[in-house]
Amino acid sequence: DHGLSEVLLLAEPMVKAARWLAERRPGVRFIVPLVNEQARHRFETALSAAGNCPHMQLLSGDARRAMAAADAVLLASGTASLEALLLKRPMVITYRLGRLSWWIASIVVNVPFAGLPNLLAGKALVPELLQDDARPEKLGAALLQYLEDPKRTDVLKDEFRRIHNDLRNHADERAADAVLEVMGVPLAGP
């Protein structure tokens, strides 16, 4: 199952990033929404293997509420990044694939960004730490920048509002273009 392989590949660096961040920002808390019990079990296994992280609460589902409550979000690339954008939550996008899958994807999919917020903006708004860049210290440092720089966060939220309004005004066209771009389908000219 795709979602479970995601948990396996991302749980360890995410847990270690949380521990890295907690060492530098005492009192920080982490909420981890998991899609089902199987994903929860796999995450708990990874959590034990990586070394438990204090102040980490696992939830069954409820990703939207967890995101809305967060000061910053660490998430896998995908529709969750669009949801975080619509909630105006600063985010760090990460993703890992198996080596062969990554190699195939890099040949088949030719887009400048992996995350929907960056694709919709046409520029790098939020960090994308993919494959070998999905290291705990890089993930933690990217999250820490949001927590320590409220002005940066405010600018990002303004960009998210602009994109949200733009989506409302041209939702069907922009959403279709973003999906087609991710699929590698050439877009028609103006």
N, C-alpha and C. Protein backbone atom coordinates (compact mmCIF):
# COMPACT_ATOMS: atom_id res chain seq x y z
N ASP A 1 0.84 -1.19 0.00
CA ASP A 1 0.00 0.00 0.00
C ASP A 1 0.88 1.25 0.00
N HIS A 2 0.54 2.19 -0.89
CA HIS A 2 1.34 3.40 -1.09
C HIS A 2 1.47 4.22 0.20
N GLY A 3 0.36 4.44 0.91
CA GLY A 3 0.39 5.24 2.12
C GLY A 3 1.26 4.63 3.20
N LEU A 4 1.27 3.30 3.28
CA LEU A 4 2.08 2.64 4.29
C LEU A 4 3.56 2.67 3.94
N SER A 5 3.88 2.56 2.65
CA SER A 5 5.29 2.66 2.27
C SER A 5 5.79 4.07 2.54
N GLU A 6 4.92 5.07 2.38
CA GLU A 6 5.25 6.46 2.72
C GLU A 6 5.63 6.55 4.20
N VAL A 7 4.81 5.92 5.05
CA VAL A 7 5.08 5.93 6.49
C VAL A 7 6.44 5.31 6.77
N LEU A 8 6.71 4.18 6.12
CA LEU A 8 8.00 3.50 6.34
C LEU A 8 9.18 4.36 5.93
N LEU A 9 9.07 5.03 4.80
CA LEU A 9 10.20 5.82 4.28
C LEU A 9 10.37 7.16 4.99
N LEU A 10 9.28 7.72 5.52
CA LEU A 10 9.35 9.07 6.08
C LEU A 10 9.31 9.12 7.60
N ALA A 11 8.82 8.08 8.25
CA ALA A 11 8.66 8.12 9.70
C ALA A 11 9.98 8.37 10.42
N GLU A 12 11.00 7.63 10.08
CA GLU A 12 12.28 7.78 10.79
C GLU A 12 12.86 9.18 10.65
N PRO A 13 12.99 9.73 9.43
CA PRO A 13 13.55 11.09 9.36
C PRO A 13 12.64 12.13 10.02
N MET A 14 11.33 11.92 9.99
CA MET A 14 10.43 12.87 10.64
C MET A 14 10.58 12.82 12.16
N VAL A 15 10.65 11.62 12.72
CA VAL A 15 10.83 11.48 14.16
C VAL A 15 12.17 12.08 14.58
N LYS A 16 13.20 11.79 13.84
CA LYS A 16 14.53 12.34 14.17
C LYS A 16 14.56 13.86 14.00
N ALA A 17 13.81 14.38 13.02
CA ALA A 17 13.72 15.84 12.86
C ALA A 17 13.01 16.45 14.06
N ALA A 18 11.97 15.78 14.55
CA ALA A 18 11.26 16.27 15.73
C ALA A 18 12.20 16.30 16.94
N ARG A 19 12.98 15.25 17.10
CA ARG A 19 13.93 15.21 18.22
C ARG A 19 14.97 16.33 18.06
N TRP A 20 15.47 16.53 16.83
CA TRP A 20 16.44 17.59 16.55
C TRP A 20 15.86 18.95 16.93
N LEU A 21 14.60 19.17 16.53
CA LEU A 21 13.94 20.44 16.80
C LEU A 21 13.69 20.63 18.30
N ALA A 22 13.27 19.56 18.98
CA ALA A 22 13.00 19.64 20.43
C ALA A 22 14.26 19.99 21.22
N GLU A 23 15.41 19.54 20.74
CA GLU A 23 16.68 19.88 21.41
C GLU A 23 16.98 21.37 21.30
N ARG A 24 16.53 22.00 20.24
CA ARG A 24 16.82 23.41 20.00
C ARG A 24 15.68 24.33 20.42
N ARG A 25 14.53 23.76 20.61
CA ARG A 25 13.35 24.55 20.95
C ARG A 25 12.57 23.81 22.04
N PRO A 26 13.06 23.84 23.28
CA PRO A 26 12.38 23.11 24.36
C PRO A 26 10.92 23.55 24.49
N GLY A 27 10.07 22.59 24.78
CA GLY A 27 8.65 22.89 24.92
C GLY A 27 7.85 22.72 23.65
N VAL A 28 8.54 22.52 22.52
CA VAL A 28 7.82 22.31 21.26
C VAL A 28 7.04 21.00 21.36
N ARG A 29 5.87 20.97 20.75
CA ARG A 29 5.03 19.77 20.77
C ARG A 29 4.75 19.35 19.33
N PHE A 30 4.53 18.05 19.16
CA PHE A 30 4.31 17.48 17.83
C PHE A 30 3.02 16.69 17.81
N ILE A 31 2.23 16.88 16.77
CA ILE A 31 0.99 16.14 16.56
C ILE A 31 1.15 15.39 15.25
N VAL A 32 0.91 14.08 15.28
CA VAL A 32 1.09 13.25 14.09
C VAL A 32 -0.23 12.56 13.77
N PRO A 33 -0.98 13.07 12.79
CA PRO A 33 -2.21 12.38 12.38
C PRO A 33 -1.87 11.22 11.44
N LEU A 34 -2.44 10.07 11.71
CA LEU A 34 -2.19 8.89 10.88
C LEU A 34 -3.52 8.39 10.32
N VAL A 35 -3.49 7.95 9.07
CA VAL A 35 -4.70 7.66 8.32
C VAL A 35 -5.49 6.47 8.86
N ASN A 36 -4.80 5.46 9.40
CA ASN A 36 -5.51 4.29 9.92
C ASN A 36 -4.64 3.56 10.94
N GLU A 37 -5.18 2.49 11.52
CA GLU A 37 -4.46 1.76 12.56
C GLU A 37 -3.20 1.09 12.02
N GLN A 38 -3.24 0.63 10.79
CA GLN A 38 -2.06 -0.01 10.20
C GLN A 38 -0.92 1.01 10.06
N ALA A 39 -1.26 2.20 9.60
CA ALA A 39 -0.24 3.26 9.49
C ALA A 39 0.26 3.64 10.88
N ARG A 40 -0.65 3.68 11.84
CA ARG A 40 -0.25 4.00 13.22
C ARG A 40 0.74 2.97 13.75
N HIS A 41 0.45 1.70 13.52
CA HIS A 41 1.33 0.63 13.98
C HIS A 41 2.72 0.77 13.34
N ARG A 42 2.74 1.02 12.04
CA ARG A 42 4.03 1.17 11.34
C ARG A 42 4.79 2.39 11.87
N PHE A 43 4.06 3.48 12.12
CA PHE A 43 4.73 4.68 12.64
C PHE A 43 5.27 4.43 14.04
N GLU A 44 4.49 3.75 14.88
CA GLU A 44 4.95 3.44 16.24
C GLU A 44 6.20 2.57 16.20
N THR A 45 6.25 1.63 15.25
CA THR A 45 7.43 0.78 15.10
C THR A 45 8.64 1.63 14.72
N ALA A 46 8.45 2.54 13.77
CA ALA A 46 9.54 3.44 13.36
C ALA A 46 9.93 4.36 14.51
N LEU A 47 8.95 4.79 15.27
CA LEU A 47 9.20 5.67 16.42
C LEU A 47 10.08 4.97 17.45
N SER A 48 9.76 3.72 17.73
CA SER A 48 10.57 2.93 18.68
C SER A 48 11.99 2.73 18.15
N ALA A 49 12.09 2.42 16.86
CA ALA A 49 13.41 2.17 16.26
C ALA A 49 14.26 3.44 16.23
N ALA A 50 13.62 4.57 15.99
CA ALA A 50 14.36 5.84 15.88
C ALA A 50 14.65 6.44 17.25
N GLY A 51 14.01 5.91 18.27
CA GLY A 51 14.16 6.49 19.61
C GLY A 51 12.99 7.41 19.86
N ASN A 52 12.23 7.12 20.87
CA ASN A 52 11.02 7.89 21.14
C ASN A 52 11.31 9.38 21.22
N CYS A 53 10.34 10.15 20.82
CA CYS A 53 10.46 11.60 20.84
C CYS A 53 9.49 12.15 21.87
N PRO A 54 9.97 12.94 22.82
CA PRO A 54 9.06 13.50 23.81
C PRO A 54 8.10 14.49 23.15
N HIS A 55 6.98 14.65 23.77
CA HIS A 55 5.98 15.62 23.31
C HIS A 55 5.43 15.31 21.92
N MET A 56 5.33 14.02 21.59
CA MET A 56 4.75 13.62 20.30
C MET A 56 3.44 12.88 20.58
N GLN A 57 2.36 13.41 20.01
CA GLN A 57 1.04 12.80 20.18
C GLN A 57 0.58 12.25 18.84
N LEU A 58 0.22 10.97 18.82
CA LEU A 58 -0.28 10.34 17.60
C LEU A 58 -1.80 10.41 17.61
N LEU A 59 -2.37 10.76 16.47
CA LEU A 59 -3.82 10.84 16.31
C LEU A 59 -4.26 9.87 15.23
N SER A 60 -5.46 9.36 15.38
CA SER A 60 -6.06 8.55 14.31
C SER A 60 -6.87 9.51 13.45
N GLY A 61 -6.40 9.76 12.24
CA GLY A 61 -7.08 10.69 11.34
C GLY A 61 -6.96 12.12 11.85
N ASP A 62 -7.97 12.92 11.53
CA ASP A 62 -8.06 14.31 12.00
C ASP A 62 -6.90 15.19 11.53
N ALA A 63 -6.38 14.90 10.34
CA ALA A 63 -5.24 15.66 9.82
C ALA A 63 -5.57 17.14 9.68
N ARG A 64 -6.77 17.45 9.25
CA ARG A 64 -7.14 18.86 9.04
C ARG A 64 -7.07 19.65 10.35
N ARG A 65 -7.62 19.08 11.42
CA ARG A 65 -7.58 19.78 12.71
C ARG A 65 -6.16 19.90 13.22
N ALA A 66 -5.37 18.85 13.03
CA ALA A 66 -3.97 18.89 13.47
C ALA A 66 -3.22 19.99 12.72
N MET A 67 -3.44 20.09 11.41
CA MET A 67 -2.78 21.13 10.62
C MET A 67 -3.23 22.52 11.05
N ALA A 68 -4.53 22.68 11.26
CA ALA A 68 -5.06 23.99 11.64
C ALA A 68 -4.48 24.46 12.97
N ALA A 69 -4.16 23.52 13.86
CA ALA A 69 -3.62 23.87 15.17
C ALA A 69 -2.12 24.12 15.15
N ALA A 70 -1.46 23.75 14.07
CA ALA A 70 0.01 23.78 14.02
C ALA A 70 0.56 25.17 13.70
N ASP A 71 1.74 25.44 14.25
CA ASP A 71 2.48 26.65 13.88
C ASP A 71 3.25 26.42 12.58
N ALA A 72 3.63 25.16 12.34
CA ALA A 72 4.32 24.76 11.11
C ALA A 72 4.03 23.28 10.90
N VAL A 73 4.05 22.87 9.63
CA VAL A 73 3.66 21.50 9.28
C VAL A 73 4.78 20.85 8.46
N LEU A 74 5.11 19.63 8.83
CA LEU A 74 6.03 18.80 8.05
C LEU A 74 5.17 17.72 7.43
N LEU A 75 5.15 17.66 6.10
CA LEU A 75 4.24 16.72 5.44
C LEU A 75 4.85 16.13 4.19
N ALA A 76 4.24 15.02 3.78
CA ALA A 76 4.63 14.39 2.52
C ALA A 76 4.02 15.19 1.39
N SER A 77 4.72 15.26 0.30
CA SER A 77 4.21 15.95 -0.88
C SER A 77 2.90 15.30 -1.28
N GLY A 78 1.97 16.08 -1.76
CA GLY A 78 0.68 15.54 -2.19
C GLY A 78 -0.44 16.49 -1.82
N THR A 79 -1.65 15.94 -1.74
CA THR A 79 -2.81 16.78 -1.48
C THR A 79 -2.76 17.42 -0.10
N ALA A 80 -2.03 16.83 0.84
CA ALA A 80 -1.90 17.44 2.17
C ALA A 80 -1.26 18.82 2.07
N SER A 81 -0.37 19.02 1.10
CA SER A 81 0.27 20.33 0.95
C SER A 81 -0.73 21.38 0.48
N LEU A 82 -1.69 20.97 -0.35
CA LEU A 82 -2.73 21.90 -0.77
C LEU A 82 -3.64 22.25 0.42
N GLU A 83 -3.95 21.24 1.22
CA GLU A 83 -4.78 21.48 2.40
C GLU A 83 -4.07 22.44 3.36
N ALA A 84 -2.78 22.25 3.58
CA ALA A 84 -2.02 23.15 4.45
C ALA A 84 -2.01 24.57 3.89
N LEU A 85 -1.88 24.70 2.57
CA LEU A 85 -1.92 26.01 1.92
C LEU A 85 -3.27 26.68 2.19
N LEU A 86 -4.36 25.94 2.00
CA LEU A 86 -5.69 26.52 2.19
C LEU A 86 -5.93 26.91 3.65
N LEU A 87 -5.26 26.22 4.58
CA LEU A 87 -5.34 26.55 6.00
C LEU A 87 -4.33 27.64 6.39
N LYS A 88 -3.52 28.08 5.40
CA LYS A 88 -2.49 29.12 5.60
C LYS A 88 -1.45 28.68 6.64
N ARG A 89 -1.05 27.42 6.59
CA ARG A 89 -0.06 26.89 7.53
C ARG A 89 1.30 26.81 6.85
N PRO A 90 2.32 27.40 7.44
CA PRO A 90 3.68 27.24 6.91
C PRO A 90 4.04 25.76 6.90
N MET A 91 4.73 25.33 5.85
CA MET A 91 5.00 23.89 5.72
C MET A 91 6.37 23.63 5.15
N VAL A 92 6.82 22.43 5.44
CA VAL A 92 8.01 21.87 4.81
C VAL A 92 7.54 20.59 4.15
N ILE A 93 7.79 20.48 2.86
CA ILE A 93 7.37 19.30 2.10
C ILE A 93 8.55 18.34 1.99
N THR A 94 8.28 17.09 2.26
CA THR A 94 9.32 16.08 2.13
C THR A 94 8.74 14.86 1.43
N TYR A 95 9.62 14.10 0.84
CA TYR A 95 9.18 12.86 0.20
C TYR A 95 10.37 11.98 -0.10
N ARG A 96 10.16 10.71 0.02
CA ARG A 96 11.17 9.72 -0.36
C ARG A 96 10.50 8.60 -1.12
N LEU A 97 11.16 8.16 -2.15
CA LEU A 97 10.75 6.97 -2.90
C LEU A 97 11.90 5.99 -2.86
N GLY A 98 11.61 4.74 -3.19
CA GLY A 98 12.69 3.79 -3.40
C GLY A 98 13.56 4.30 -4.53
N ARG A 99 14.81 3.92 -4.56
CA ARG A 99 15.76 4.42 -5.56
C ARG A 99 15.27 4.23 -6.99
N LEU A 100 14.79 3.03 -7.31
CA LEU A 100 14.32 2.76 -8.67
C LEU A 100 13.10 3.62 -9.01
N SER A 101 12.15 3.71 -8.08
CA SER A 101 10.96 4.54 -8.32
C SER A 101 11.34 6.00 -8.53
N TRP A 102 12.30 6.50 -7.74
CA TRP A 102 12.75 7.88 -7.88
C TRP A 102 13.38 8.11 -9.25
N TRP A 103 14.20 7.16 -9.68
CA TRP A 103 14.86 7.27 -10.98
C TRP A 103 13.82 7.30 -12.10
N ILE A 104 12.84 6.41 -12.04
CA ILE A 104 11.79 6.37 -13.06
C ILE A 104 10.99 7.67 -13.03
N ALA A 105 10.61 8.12 -11.84
CA ALA A 105 9.83 9.36 -11.72
C ALA A 105 10.60 10.55 -12.27
N SER A 106 11.90 10.59 -12.05
CA SER A 106 12.69 11.73 -12.54
C SER A 106 12.75 11.76 -14.06
N ILE A 107 12.57 10.61 -14.69
CA ILE A 107 12.56 10.55 -16.15
C ILE A 107 11.17 10.89 -16.69
N VAL A 108 10.14 10.36 -16.05
CA VAL A 108 8.77 10.48 -16.54
C VAL A 108 8.15 11.83 -16.21
N VAL A 109 8.37 12.31 -15.00
CA VAL A 109 7.73 13.54 -14.53
C VAL A 109 8.74 14.68 -14.62
N ASN A 110 8.40 15.69 -15.39
CA ASN A 110 9.32 16.81 -15.58
C ASN A 110 8.64 18.10 -15.13
N VAL A 111 8.68 18.34 -13.82
CA VAL A 111 8.11 19.56 -13.25
C VAL A 111 9.16 20.22 -12.36
N PRO A 112 9.08 21.54 -12.23
CA PRO A 112 10.10 22.23 -11.44
C PRO A 112 9.97 22.00 -9.93
N PHE A 113 8.77 21.62 -9.48
CA PHE A 113 8.52 21.45 -8.05
C PHE A 113 7.71 20.19 -7.81
N ALA A 114 7.83 19.66 -6.60
CA ALA A 114 7.05 18.48 -6.21
C ALA A 114 5.77 18.87 -5.49
N GLY A 115 5.79 20.00 -4.79
CA GLY A 115 4.66 20.41 -3.97
C GLY A 115 3.67 21.28 -4.71
N LEU A 116 2.40 21.03 -4.46
CA LEU A 116 1.35 21.83 -5.11
C LEU A 116 1.45 23.32 -4.78
N PRO A 117 1.78 23.74 -3.56
CA PRO A 117 1.90 25.18 -3.31
C PRO A 117 2.94 25.84 -4.22
N ASN A 118 4.08 25.19 -4.40
CA ASN A 118 5.12 25.75 -5.27
C ASN A 118 4.71 25.70 -6.73
N LEU A 119 4.05 24.62 -7.14
CA LEU A 119 3.56 24.53 -8.52
C LEU A 119 2.53 25.62 -8.80
N LEU A 120 1.60 25.82 -7.86
CA LEU A 120 0.56 26.84 -8.05
C LEU A 120 1.14 28.25 -8.05
N ALA A 121 2.16 28.48 -7.22
CA ALA A 121 2.79 29.80 -7.16
C ALA A 121 3.73 30.04 -8.33
N GLY A 122 4.21 28.96 -8.94
CA GLY A 122 5.19 29.10 -10.02
C GLY A 122 6.56 29.48 -9.50
N LYS A 123 6.78 29.29 -8.21
CA LYS A 123 8.08 29.60 -7.59
C LYS A 123 8.19 28.82 -6.29
N ALA A 124 9.38 28.80 -5.74
CA ALA A 124 9.62 28.07 -4.49
C ALA A 124 9.16 28.91 -3.30
N LEU A 125 7.97 28.62 -2.81
CA LEU A 125 7.45 29.30 -1.62
C LEU A 125 7.85 28.57 -0.35
N VAL A 126 7.76 27.24 -0.41
CA VAL A 126 8.03 26.42 0.77
C VAL A 126 9.16 25.43 0.45
N PRO A 127 9.93 25.06 1.46
CA PRO A 127 11.03 24.11 1.21
C PRO A 127 10.50 22.75 0.77
N GLU A 128 11.19 22.16 -0.19
CA GLU A 128 10.92 20.79 -0.63
C GLU A 128 12.21 20.00 -0.39
N LEU A 129 12.17 19.14 0.58
CA LEU A 129 13.34 18.33 0.92
C LEU A 129 13.03 16.89 0.54
N LEU A 130 13.53 16.51 -0.63
CA LEU A 130 13.19 15.23 -1.24
C LEU A 130 14.38 14.29 -1.24
N GLN A 131 14.06 13.00 -1.23
CA GLN A 131 15.07 11.95 -1.32
C GLN A 131 16.20 12.15 -0.31
N ASP A 132 17.43 12.33 -0.78
CA ASP A 132 18.58 12.45 0.12
C ASP A 132 18.58 13.75 0.93
N ASP A 133 17.79 14.73 0.50
CA ASP A 133 17.67 15.97 1.28
C ASP A 133 16.69 15.82 2.44
N ALA A 134 15.96 14.73 2.50
CA ALA A 134 14.99 14.49 3.57
C ALA A 134 15.72 13.95 4.81
N ARG A 135 16.70 14.74 5.25
CA ARG A 135 17.50 14.35 6.42
C ARG A 135 16.98 15.11 7.65
N PRO A 136 17.03 14.47 8.80
CA PRO A 136 16.46 15.08 10.01
C PRO A 136 16.92 16.50 10.28
N GLU A 137 18.22 16.76 10.16
CA GLU A 137 18.72 18.10 10.48
C GLU A 137 18.21 19.14 9.48
N LYS A 138 18.04 18.76 8.22
CA LYS A 138 17.51 19.70 7.22
C LYS A 138 16.02 19.95 7.46
N LEU A 139 15.28 18.88 7.75
CA LEU A 139 13.84 19.02 8.02
C LEU A 139 13.63 19.88 9.26
N GLY A 140 14.36 19.57 10.32
CA GLY A 140 14.23 20.34 11.56
C GLY A 140 14.61 21.80 11.39
N ALA A 141 15.70 22.05 10.67
CA ALA A 141 16.15 23.43 10.45
C ALA A 141 15.12 24.23 9.65
N ALA A 142 14.50 23.60 8.67
CA ALA A 142 13.48 24.30 7.86
C ALA A 142 12.27 24.65 8.72
N LEU A 143 11.86 23.74 9.60
CA LEU A 143 10.74 24.03 10.50
C LEU A 143 11.12 25.12 11.50
N LEU A 144 12.33 25.05 12.01
CA LEU A 144 12.79 26.03 12.99
C LEU A 144 12.78 27.45 12.42
N GLN A 145 13.08 27.60 11.14
CA GLN A 145 13.05 28.93 10.52
C GLN A 145 11.66 29.55 10.64
N TYR A 146 10.62 28.74 10.45
CA TYR A 146 9.26 29.27 10.59
C TYR A 146 8.99 29.70 12.03
N LEU A 147 9.42 28.87 12.98
CA LEU A 147 9.14 29.15 14.39
C LEU A 147 9.90 30.37 14.90
N GLU A 148 11.04 30.67 14.29
CA GLU A 148 11.88 31.78 14.76
C GLU A 148 11.77 33.05 13.93
N ASP A 149 11.03 33.00 12.83
CA ASP A 149 10.94 34.17 11.95
C ASP A 149 9.48 34.47 11.60
N PRO A 150 8.76 35.14 12.52
CA PRO A 150 7.34 35.43 12.27
C PRO A 150 7.10 36.26 11.01
N LYS A 151 8.04 37.14 10.65
CA LYS A 151 7.85 37.95 9.44
C LYS A 151 7.83 37.06 8.21
N ARG A 152 8.74 36.10 8.16
CA ARG A 152 8.77 35.16 7.04
C ARG A 152 7.45 34.39 6.95
N THR A 153 6.96 33.99 8.11
CA THR A 153 5.70 33.25 8.17
C THR A 153 4.54 34.12 7.69
N ASP A 154 4.52 35.39 8.09
CA ASP A 154 3.45 36.30 7.66
C ASP A 154 3.47 36.51 6.15
N VAL A 155 4.66 36.67 5.58
CA VAL A 155 4.78 36.83 4.12
C VAL A 155 4.26 35.58 3.42
N LEU A 156 4.61 34.43 3.94
CA LEU A 156 4.15 33.17 3.35
C LEU A 156 2.63 33.05 3.43
N LYS A 157 2.06 33.41 4.56
CA LYS A 157 0.60 33.34 4.71
C LYS A 157 -0.09 34.29 3.72
N ASP A 158 0.50 35.46 3.49
CA ASP A 158 -0.05 36.39 2.48
C ASP A 158 -0.02 35.75 1.10
N GLU A 159 1.07 35.08 0.77
CA GLU A 159 1.16 34.36 -0.52
C GLU A 159 0.09 33.28 -0.60
N PHE A 160 -0.11 32.55 0.49
CA PHE A 160 -1.13 31.50 0.52
C PHE A 160 -2.52 32.09 0.31
N ARG A 161 -2.79 33.25 0.93
CA ARG A 161 -4.09 33.92 0.73
C ARG A 161 -4.29 34.29 -0.74
N ARG A 162 -3.23 34.82 -1.34
CA ARG A 162 -3.31 35.20 -2.76
C ARG A 162 -3.62 33.99 -3.62
N ILE A 163 -2.91 32.89 -3.39
CA ILE A 163 -3.15 31.67 -4.17
C ILE A 163 -4.55 31.15 -3.92
N HIS A 164 -4.98 31.17 -2.66
CA HIS A 164 -6.32 30.70 -2.32
C HIS A 164 -7.38 31.51 -3.07
N ASN A 165 -7.24 32.82 -3.06
CA ASN A 165 -8.19 33.67 -3.79
C ASN A 165 -8.14 33.40 -5.29
N ASP A 166 -6.94 33.24 -5.82
CA ASP A 166 -6.77 32.93 -7.24
C ASP A 166 -7.44 31.60 -7.58
N LEU A 167 -7.27 30.62 -6.70
CA LEU A 167 -7.91 29.32 -6.93
C LEU A 167 -9.43 29.45 -6.94
N ARG A 168 -9.94 30.26 -6.03
CA ARG A 168 -11.40 30.46 -5.99
C ARG A 168 -11.90 31.08 -7.30
N ASN A 169 -11.11 32.01 -7.83
CA ASN A 169 -11.53 32.70 -9.05
C ASN A 169 -11.37 31.85 -10.30
N HIS A 170 -10.40 30.97 -10.31
CA HIS A 170 -10.14 30.12 -11.48
C HIS A 170 -9.87 28.69 -11.04
N ALA A 171 -10.66 28.22 -10.10
CA ALA A 171 -10.37 26.94 -9.45
C ALA A 171 -10.27 25.78 -10.43
N ASP A 172 -11.22 25.66 -11.32
CA ASP A 172 -11.23 24.49 -12.20
C ASP A 172 -10.02 24.49 -13.13
N GLU A 173 -9.70 25.64 -13.72
CA GLU A 173 -8.57 25.71 -14.65
C GLU A 173 -7.23 25.48 -13.95
N ARG A 174 -7.01 26.16 -12.81
CA ARG A 174 -5.73 26.04 -12.09
C ARG A 174 -5.53 24.63 -11.55
N ALA A 175 -6.59 24.05 -11.00
CA ALA A 175 -6.47 22.69 -10.46
C ALA A 175 -6.16 21.71 -11.57
N ALA A 176 -6.85 21.84 -12.69
CA ALA A 176 -6.60 20.93 -13.82
C ALA A 176 -5.18 21.11 -14.35
N ASP A 177 -4.73 22.36 -14.48
CA ASP A 177 -3.37 22.61 -14.95
C ASP A 177 -2.33 22.01 -14.01
N ALA A 178 -2.53 22.17 -12.70
CA ALA A 178 -1.58 21.62 -11.73
C ALA A 178 -1.53 20.10 -11.81
N VAL A 179 -2.68 19.47 -11.94
CA VAL A 179 -2.73 18.00 -12.05
C VAL A 179 -2.06 17.55 -13.34
N LEU A 180 -2.37 18.21 -14.44
CA LEU A 180 -1.76 17.85 -15.72
C LEU A 180 -0.25 18.04 -15.68
N GLU A 181 0.20 19.12 -15.04
CA GLU A 181 1.64 19.37 -14.95
C GLU A 181 2.34 18.26 -14.16
N VAL A 182 1.74 17.85 -13.04
CA VAL A 182 2.31 16.77 -12.25
C VAL A 182 2.36 15.48 -13.06
N MET A 183 1.35 15.26 -13.91
CA MET A 183 1.30 14.06 -14.74
C MET A 183 2.25 14.14 -15.93
N GLY A 184 2.79 15.34 -16.18
CA GLY A 184 3.72 15.50 -17.29
C GLY A 184 3.04 15.73 -18.63
N VAL A 185 1.77 16.11 -18.59
CA VAL A 185 1.03 16.38 -19.82
C VAL A 185 1.29 17.83 -20.22
N PRO A 186 1.73 18.08 -21.46
CA PRO A 186 2.00 19.47 -21.88
C PRO A 186 0.72 20.31 -21.82
N LEU A 187 0.87 21.53 -21.34
CA LEU A 187 -0.28 22.43 -21.24
C LEU A 187 -0.40 23.22 -22.54
N ALA A 188 -1.65 23.47 -22.92
CA ALA A 188 -1.91 24.25 -24.13
C ALA A 188 -1.52 25.70 -23.87
N GLY A 189 -1.10 26.38 -24.89
CA GLY A 189 -0.72 27.79 -24.78
C GLY A 189 -1.93 28.67 -24.58
N PRO A 190 -1.73 29.98 -24.37
CA PRO A 190 -2.84 30.92 -24.14
C PRO A 190 -3.75 31.08 -25.33
